[in-house]
């Protein structure tokens, strides 16, 4: 019986990763956290980890110990909101800048995602952020505490991409006067690149790279520089999309899922003017994060995508074929997986979700 069939059977029977002997990796627990959400490696090999309630931690790989960073912006914690993603500036070694996404309170019981850049001091005993500057906000702020998205990613040419959820409000994903339900592309200071697809329209519209997204929780570039995103569908229809500038991905007009109250949503194939997902899932996998592997530790996986699965409690491997993709393998992990990144040496690192979420290192057997 091949490994894909074994892992699928284990997934549907609820087996834990510890029960599986034929995985091509070993799993090592390095640390644990309170509601961890994202991570990014520093040049010195240590790890930055965010916790939803508002803590940014520097984690030692030697013993898993953590040092809190002072000066983190105040977050609006609750529901899906709080401190979110962390990303290093491409020239971090020279300028010390990092970027944080988080839920920010507004007026009249509203809130929205924000992105701040800051300078990180790594001096022992003085670990802190300075020169904190908010460079982007979801517009408009709305009620509720869901679907922020707010994953961060730098391209090789230094542009900052931000995934912006539609905040469970549906129609804003199609509203060109706001930036909810969009993929955003900015310069590293928050200004708008002149070659953005809607730059000539000005205002918030100029930020938009693509639209018609629901809750995009993972973005990654492949080896050819093509952007991909993974997003939660409604009741069914989680999506992996090949993200093309200026294109509309159809939500909430089309989806391969349906509304939670049972109302139907037309499938993508009924409206060919919208970009359809390259892979979609019903039952859902509930993606929490996404990366495309380029390391040497698992050479057979170079160029493959990896999805952190929340409700699926799995690590899901994706194979690409030019403009197309498919699920190739699913590794049940026995816990909700919030984030997945590649380490400096090519190891694969996972963060479990919720209180007590563990930091796991995957290395070849």
Protein backbone atom coordinates (compact mmCIF):
# COMPACT_ATOMS: atom_id res chain seq x y z
CA UNK A 1 0.00 0.00 0.00
CA UNK A 2 1.56 3.35 -1.01
CA UNK A 3 2.17 6.15 1.48
CA UNK A 4 -0.50 8.47 0.04
CA UNK A 5 -3.19 5.81 0.54
CA UNK A 6 -1.92 5.05 4.04
CA UNK A 7 -1.95 8.70 5.06
CA UNK A 8 -5.42 9.26 3.62
CA UNK A 9 -6.74 6.24 5.51
CA UNK A 10 -5.13 7.46 8.71
CA UNK A 11 -6.59 10.93 8.19
CA UNK A 12 -10.13 9.63 7.86
CA UNK A 13 -9.73 7.25 10.83
CA UNK A 14 -8.24 9.97 13.05
CA UNK A 15 -4.84 8.35 13.61
CA UNK A 16 -1.98 10.47 14.98
CA UNK A 17 1.36 11.06 13.32
CA UNK A 18 3.14 9.28 16.15
CA UNK A 19 1.42 6.05 15.09
CA UNK A 20 2.85 6.20 11.57
CA UNK A 21 6.18 4.49 10.96
CA UNK A 22 6.69 5.05 7.25
CA UNK A 23 6.81 8.86 7.12
CA UNK A 24 10.02 10.03 5.43
CA UNK A 25 10.78 12.38 8.33
CA UNK A 26 11.33 12.36 12.05
CA UNK A 27 9.59 14.92 14.26
CA UNK A 28 11.37 16.77 17.06
CA UNK A 29 9.63 19.09 19.51
CA UNK A 30 11.75 22.19 20.13
CA UNK A 31 9.44 24.49 22.13
CA UNK A 32 5.79 25.28 22.87
CA UNK A 33 3.80 28.50 22.92
CA UNK A 34 0.47 30.11 23.80
CA UNK A 35 -1.54 30.43 20.55
CA UNK A 36 1.40 30.76 18.15
CA UNK A 37 0.56 32.12 14.70
CA UNK A 38 3.67 32.68 12.59
CA UNK A 39 7.46 32.35 12.52
CA UNK A 40 10.47 33.64 10.61
CA UNK A 41 14.14 32.72 10.90
CA UNK A 42 16.76 35.34 11.78
CA UNK A 43 20.15 35.32 10.01
CA UNK A 44 21.81 34.02 13.20
CA UNK A 45 19.63 30.90 13.15
CA UNK A 46 17.24 31.95 15.91
CA UNK A 47 13.51 32.10 15.25
CA UNK A 48 10.93 34.87 15.61
CA UNK A 49 7.53 33.53 16.73
CA UNK A 50 4.30 35.51 17.15
CA UNK A 51 1.58 34.67 19.66
CA UNK A 52 -1.96 35.91 18.99
CA UNK A 53 -2.33 37.73 22.31
CA UNK A 54 0.44 40.10 21.27
CA UNK A 55 3.83 38.62 22.12
CA UNK A 56 6.79 38.48 19.74
CA UNK A 57 9.43 36.00 20.87
CA UNK A 58 13.03 35.26 19.92
CA UNK A 59 13.52 31.52 20.19
CA UNK A 60 16.88 29.80 20.65
CA UNK A 61 17.36 26.62 18.62
CA UNK A 62 19.84 25.34 21.23
CA UNK A 63 17.37 24.80 24.05
CA UNK A 64 14.00 26.19 22.86
CA UNK A 65 14.13 29.09 25.31
CA UNK A 66 12.27 32.28 24.40
CA UNK A 67 13.02 35.96 24.91
CA UNK A 68 10.13 38.45 24.54
CA UNK A 69 10.58 41.53 22.37
CA UNK A 70 9.37 44.84 23.81
CA UNK A 71 7.55 47.52 21.84
CA UNK A 72 5.09 45.35 19.90
CA UNK A 73 2.03 47.37 18.78
CA UNK A 74 -1.19 46.91 20.75
CA UNK A 75 -3.38 44.25 19.17
CA UNK A 76 -7.15 43.71 19.16
CA UNK A 77 -7.23 40.15 20.49
CA UNK A 78 -10.30 37.95 20.04
CA UNK A 79 -11.80 35.50 17.59
CA UNK A 80 -9.33 35.15 14.73
CA UNK A 81 -7.69 38.46 15.60
CA UNK A 82 -4.50 39.37 17.39
CA UNK A 83 -0.83 39.44 16.45
CA UNK A 84 -0.41 37.73 13.08
CA UNK A 85 2.48 37.33 10.68
CA UNK A 86 6.13 38.36 10.91
CA UNK A 87 8.51 38.91 7.98
CA UNK A 88 12.07 40.15 7.66
CA UNK A 89 12.99 42.88 5.21
CA UNK A 90 15.10 41.39 2.38
CA UNK A 91 18.01 43.53 3.65
CA UNK A 92 17.43 42.78 7.34
CA UNK A 93 21.11 42.05 7.93
CA UNK A 94 21.84 45.68 7.01
CA UNK A 95 18.78 47.58 8.24
CA UNK A 96 17.29 45.37 11.01
CA UNK A 97 13.73 45.94 9.80
CA UNK A 98 10.90 43.51 10.38
CA UNK A 99 7.20 43.63 9.47
CA UNK A 100 4.28 42.57 11.66
CA UNK A 101 0.61 42.12 10.82
CA UNK A 102 -2.06 42.32 13.50
CA UNK A 103 -5.69 43.13 14.22
CA UNK A 104 -6.13 46.81 15.11
CA UNK A 105 -9.13 48.34 16.89
CA UNK A 106 -11.09 51.14 15.24
CA UNK A 107 -14.01 53.38 16.15
CA UNK A 108 -17.51 52.16 17.01
CA UNK A 109 -16.56 48.53 17.70
CA UNK A 110 -14.81 48.05 14.38
CA UNK A 111 -11.40 46.60 13.59
CA UNK A 112 -9.16 45.61 10.75
CA UNK A 113 -5.76 44.21 9.94
CA UNK A 114 -2.73 46.49 9.96
CA UNK A 115 0.90 46.07 8.98
CA UNK A 116 3.71 47.84 10.81
CA UNK A 117 7.42 47.94 10.08
CA UNK A 118 9.95 48.45 12.83
CA UNK A 119 13.62 48.12 13.66
CA UNK A 120 14.46 45.09 15.76
CA UNK A 121 17.26 45.30 18.33
CA UNK A 122 18.85 41.93 19.09
CA UNK A 123 21.17 43.26 21.79
CA UNK A 124 21.00 40.84 24.75
CA UNK A 125 18.86 42.35 27.47
CA UNK A 126 17.54 45.07 25.14
CA UNK A 127 15.47 43.06 22.65
CA UNK A 128 12.95 45.61 21.45
CA UNK A 129 11.24 47.27 18.49
CA UNK A 130 11.84 50.91 17.66
CA UNK A 131 10.71 53.28 14.90
CA UNK A 132 7.39 51.43 14.67
CA UNK A 133 5.44 52.75 11.68
CA UNK A 134 2.07 51.48 10.39
CA UNK A 135 2.42 51.27 6.61
CA UNK A 136 -0.89 49.59 5.67
CA UNK A 137 -4.41 49.11 6.99
CA UNK A 138 -7.47 47.22 5.87
CA UNK A 139 -9.97 49.70 4.51
CA UNK A 140 -12.71 49.88 5.62
CA UNK A 141 -12.58 48.71 9.22
CA UNK A 142 -15.68 46.62 9.97
CA UNK A 143 -17.33 44.77 12.84
CA UNK A 144 -16.47 41.19 13.74
CA UNK A 145 -13.23 39.33 14.40
CA UNK A 146 -12.85 36.98 11.46
CA UNK A 147 -11.04 36.61 8.12
CA UNK A 148 -8.16 39.02 8.51
CA UNK A 149 -5.84 37.00 6.28
CA UNK A 150 -2.80 39.27 6.82
CA UNK A 151 0.01 36.95 5.67
CA UNK A 152 3.17 38.77 4.58
CA UNK A 153 5.63 37.90 1.82
CA UNK A 154 8.48 39.71 0.08
CA UNK A 155 9.22 39.08 -3.59
CA UNK A 156 12.75 38.81 -4.92
CA UNK A 157 12.51 42.35 -6.28
CA UNK A 158 11.65 43.70 -2.83
CA UNK A 159 7.90 44.23 -3.07
CA UNK A 160 5.72 43.40 -0.08
CA UNK A 161 2.65 41.22 -0.69
CA UNK A 162 -0.16 41.14 1.89
CA UNK A 163 -3.13 38.78 1.89
CA UNK A 164 -6.27 40.62 2.98
CA UNK A 165 -9.38 38.66 3.99
CA UNK A 166 -12.92 39.87 3.29
CA UNK A 167 -13.70 39.93 7.05
CA UNK A 168 -16.73 37.59 6.65
CA UNK A 169 -18.59 40.38 4.83
CA UNK A 170 -18.72 38.70 1.38
CA UNK A 171 -19.26 41.60 -1.05
CA UNK A 172 -16.13 43.62 -0.15
CA UNK A 173 -14.07 41.02 -2.01
CA UNK A 174 -15.52 42.50 -5.24
CA UNK A 175 -15.50 46.16 -4.13
CA UNK A 176 -12.67 48.01 -5.85
CA UNK A 177 -13.02 50.96 -3.46
CA UNK A 178 -11.73 48.86 -0.55
CA UNK A 179 -8.87 46.43 0.02
CA UNK A 180 -10.77 43.59 1.74
CA UNK A 181 -10.73 40.22 -0.02
CA UNK A 182 -7.64 41.14 -2.04
CA UNK A 183 -3.97 40.36 -2.49
CA UNK A 184 -2.05 43.61 -1.97
CA UNK A 185 1.32 44.63 -3.46
CA UNK A 186 3.31 47.51 -1.96
CA UNK A 187 6.80 48.94 -1.84
CA UNK A 188 8.68 48.21 1.38
CA UNK A 189 7.65 51.60 2.83
CA UNK A 190 3.93 51.07 2.12
CA UNK A 191 3.79 53.20 -1.00
CA UNK A 192 2.20 51.82 -4.17
CA UNK A 193 4.37 50.54 -7.05
CA UNK A 194 3.72 52.42 -10.27
CA UNK A 195 3.25 49.15 -12.19
CA UNK A 196 0.45 47.75 -10.00
CA UNK A 197 -2.48 46.73 -12.26
CA UNK A 198 -4.85 49.41 -10.93
CA UNK A 199 -2.28 52.04 -9.97
CA UNK A 200 -3.77 54.69 -12.25
CA UNK A 201 -7.02 54.64 -10.24
CA UNK A 202 -5.24 55.92 -7.12
CA UNK A 203 -6.31 55.57 -3.50
CA UNK A 204 -6.82 52.17 -1.92
CA UNK A 205 -7.62 50.67 -5.33
CA UNK A 206 -4.02 51.21 -6.43
CA UNK A 207 -2.83 48.72 -3.79
CA UNK A 208 -4.72 45.79 -5.33
CA UNK A 209 -2.82 42.99 -7.08
CA UNK A 210 -5.77 40.55 -7.36
CA UNK A 211 -9.32 40.41 -6.02
CA UNK A 212 -12.21 38.08 -5.26
CA UNK A 213 -10.51 36.25 -2.39
CA UNK A 214 -12.20 35.02 0.79
CA UNK A 215 -9.72 34.32 3.60
CA UNK A 216 -6.23 33.91 2.11
CA UNK A 217 -3.97 32.47 4.80
CA UNK A 218 -0.91 31.49 2.81
CA UNK A 219 1.10 33.06 -0.03
CA UNK A 220 4.30 31.78 -1.62
CA UNK A 221 6.41 32.14 -4.75
CA UNK A 222 7.54 29.14 -6.75
CA UNK A 223 11.00 28.84 -8.33
CA UNK A 224 9.80 30.67 -11.44
CA UNK A 225 8.58 33.65 -9.43
CA UNK A 226 4.90 32.73 -9.83
CA UNK A 227 2.74 33.68 -6.84
CA UNK A 228 0.36 31.10 -5.33
CA UNK A 229 -2.14 31.50 -2.51
CA UNK A 230 -4.12 29.12 -0.33
CA UNK A 231 -7.41 30.27 1.14
CA UNK A 232 -10.31 28.99 3.18
CA UNK A 233 -13.52 28.47 1.27
CA UNK A 234 -16.95 28.71 2.88
CA UNK A 235 -18.68 25.37 3.60
CA UNK A 236 -16.38 23.42 1.29
CA UNK A 237 -14.25 24.76 -1.51
CA UNK A 238 -10.88 25.57 0.08
CA UNK A 239 -8.70 26.85 -2.78
CA UNK A 240 -5.15 26.84 -4.09
CA UNK A 241 -4.85 29.63 -6.65
CA UNK A 242 -2.24 30.69 -9.16
CA UNK A 243 -2.31 34.42 -8.48
CA UNK A 244 -2.06 36.62 -11.58
CA UNK A 245 -1.95 40.40 -11.40
CA UNK A 246 -5.26 42.10 -12.03
CA UNK A 247 -7.30 38.89 -12.05
CA UNK A 248 -10.59 38.28 -10.22
CA UNK A 249 -10.98 34.98 -8.33
CA UNK A 250 -14.74 35.30 -8.05
CA UNK A 251 -15.70 35.21 -4.38
CA UNK A 252 -18.53 35.54 -3.31
CA UNK A 253 -20.08 35.32 -6.78
CA UNK A 254 -18.59 31.86 -7.35
CA UNK A 255 -17.08 29.22 -5.10
CA UNK A 256 -16.83 25.45 -5.10
CA UNK A 257 -18.35 25.56 -1.62
CA UNK A 258 -21.64 26.87 -0.30
CA UNK A 259 -22.73 29.26 2.43
CA UNK A 260 -22.83 28.03 6.02
CA UNK A 261 -26.60 28.51 6.09
CA UNK A 262 -26.90 26.04 3.20
CA UNK A 263 -27.48 28.54 0.41
CA UNK A 264 -25.81 27.53 -2.82
CA UNK A 265 -22.99 29.46 -4.48
CA UNK A 266 -22.50 28.85 -8.21
CA UNK A 267 -19.36 26.82 -8.98
CA UNK A 268 -16.40 28.37 -10.75
CA UNK A 269 -17.16 26.54 -13.98
CA UNK A 270 -20.43 28.48 -14.35
CA UNK A 271 -18.56 31.80 -14.67
CA UNK A 272 -15.45 31.36 -16.81
CA UNK A 273 -14.63 35.08 -16.62
CA UNK A 274 -13.34 34.43 -13.08
CA UNK A 275 -10.06 32.63 -12.37
CA UNK A 276 -10.73 29.11 -11.07
CA UNK A 277 -8.62 27.40 -8.39
CA UNK A 278 -5.99 24.93 -9.51
CA UNK A 279 -6.87 22.65 -6.58
CA UNK A 280 -9.95 22.75 -4.36
CA UNK A 281 -11.06 20.68 -1.38
CA UNK A 282 -14.44 19.44 -0.15
CA UNK A 283 -14.31 18.30 2.66
CA UNK A 284 -12.14 21.25 3.59
CA UNK A 285 -8.57 21.11 4.85
CA UNK A 286 -8.77 24.54 6.56
CA UNK A 287 -5.38 25.89 5.46
CA UNK A 288 -3.40 27.82 8.05
CA UNK A 289 -0.20 28.58 6.14
CA UNK A 290 1.72 27.72 2.99
CA UNK A 291 5.28 27.49 1.72
CA UNK A 292 7.04 26.18 -1.39
CA UNK A 293 10.11 24.12 -0.57
CA UNK A 294 13.53 24.89 -2.10
CA UNK A 295 15.92 23.23 0.35
CA UNK A 296 18.42 20.38 0.04
CA UNK A 297 17.47 18.34 3.09
CA UNK A 298 14.49 16.81 1.24
CA UNK A 299 15.74 16.87 -2.39
CA UNK A 300 12.78 14.84 -3.64
CA UNK A 301 10.48 17.65 -2.50
CA UNK A 302 12.24 20.61 -4.12
CA UNK A 303 9.62 22.79 -5.79
CA UNK A 304 6.71 21.19 -3.90
CA UNK A 305 4.22 23.15 -1.83
CA UNK A 306 3.34 22.41 1.79
CA UNK A 307 0.06 23.45 3.41
CA UNK A 308 -0.46 23.68 7.17
CA UNK A 309 -3.84 22.05 7.81
CA UNK A 310 -6.02 23.21 10.72
CA UNK A 311 -9.23 21.12 10.81
CA UNK A 312 -7.47 18.49 8.70
CA UNK A 313 -4.70 18.28 11.35
CA UNK A 314 -2.25 17.51 8.59
CA UNK A 315 0.73 18.61 6.56
CA UNK A 316 -0.34 18.48 2.92
CA UNK A 317 2.15 18.21 0.06
CA UNK A 318 1.38 19.77 -3.33
CA UNK A 319 3.06 18.93 -6.63
CA UNK A 320 3.14 21.54 -9.39
CA UNK A 321 3.13 20.97 -13.13
CA UNK A 322 3.60 24.34 -14.81
CA UNK A 323 0.36 26.23 -14.30
CA UNK A 324 -1.37 23.27 -12.63
CA UNK A 325 -1.12 21.58 -9.25
CA UNK A 326 -2.42 18.57 -7.34
CA UNK A 327 -2.42 17.18 -3.82
CA UNK A 328 0.29 14.53 -3.80
CA UNK A 329 0.48 13.44 -0.17
CA UNK A 330 -1.08 14.06 3.21
CA UNK A 331 0.67 13.51 6.53
CA UNK A 332 -1.72 13.39 9.52
CA UNK A 333 -0.06 15.18 12.43
CA UNK A 334 -2.72 14.69 15.12
CA UNK A 335 -2.95 18.43 15.88
CA UNK A 336 -4.11 21.59 14.13
CA UNK A 337 -1.15 22.97 12.18
CA UNK A 338 -1.04 26.76 11.97
CA UNK A 339 2.20 27.51 10.09
CA UNK A 340 4.89 25.83 8.00
CA UNK A 341 8.27 27.31 6.98
CA UNK A 342 11.56 26.08 5.58
CA UNK A 343 14.55 26.44 7.87
CA UNK A 344 17.99 27.73 6.83
CA UNK A 345 19.36 24.18 6.57
CA UNK A 346 16.33 22.83 4.67
CA UNK A 347 14.50 21.30 7.64
CA UNK A 348 10.71 21.84 7.64
CA UNK A 349 9.30 23.62 10.69
CA UNK A 350 5.70 23.50 11.90
CA UNK A 351 3.73 25.46 14.48
CA UNK A 352 0.73 23.82 16.07
CA UNK A 353 -2.33 25.96 16.75
CA UNK A 354 -3.92 26.98 20.05
CA UNK A 355 -2.64 27.00 23.64
CA UNK A 356 0.39 24.78 24.09
CA UNK A 357 1.05 24.73 20.35
CA UNK A 358 4.37 23.05 19.74
CA UNK A 359 7.23 24.08 17.47
CA UNK A 360 8.20 20.96 15.50
CA UNK A 361 11.27 20.30 13.38
CA UNK A 362 10.98 17.74 10.56
CA UNK A 363 14.18 16.14 9.28
CA UNK A 364 14.75 13.10 7.00
CA UNK A 365 14.93 9.64 8.50
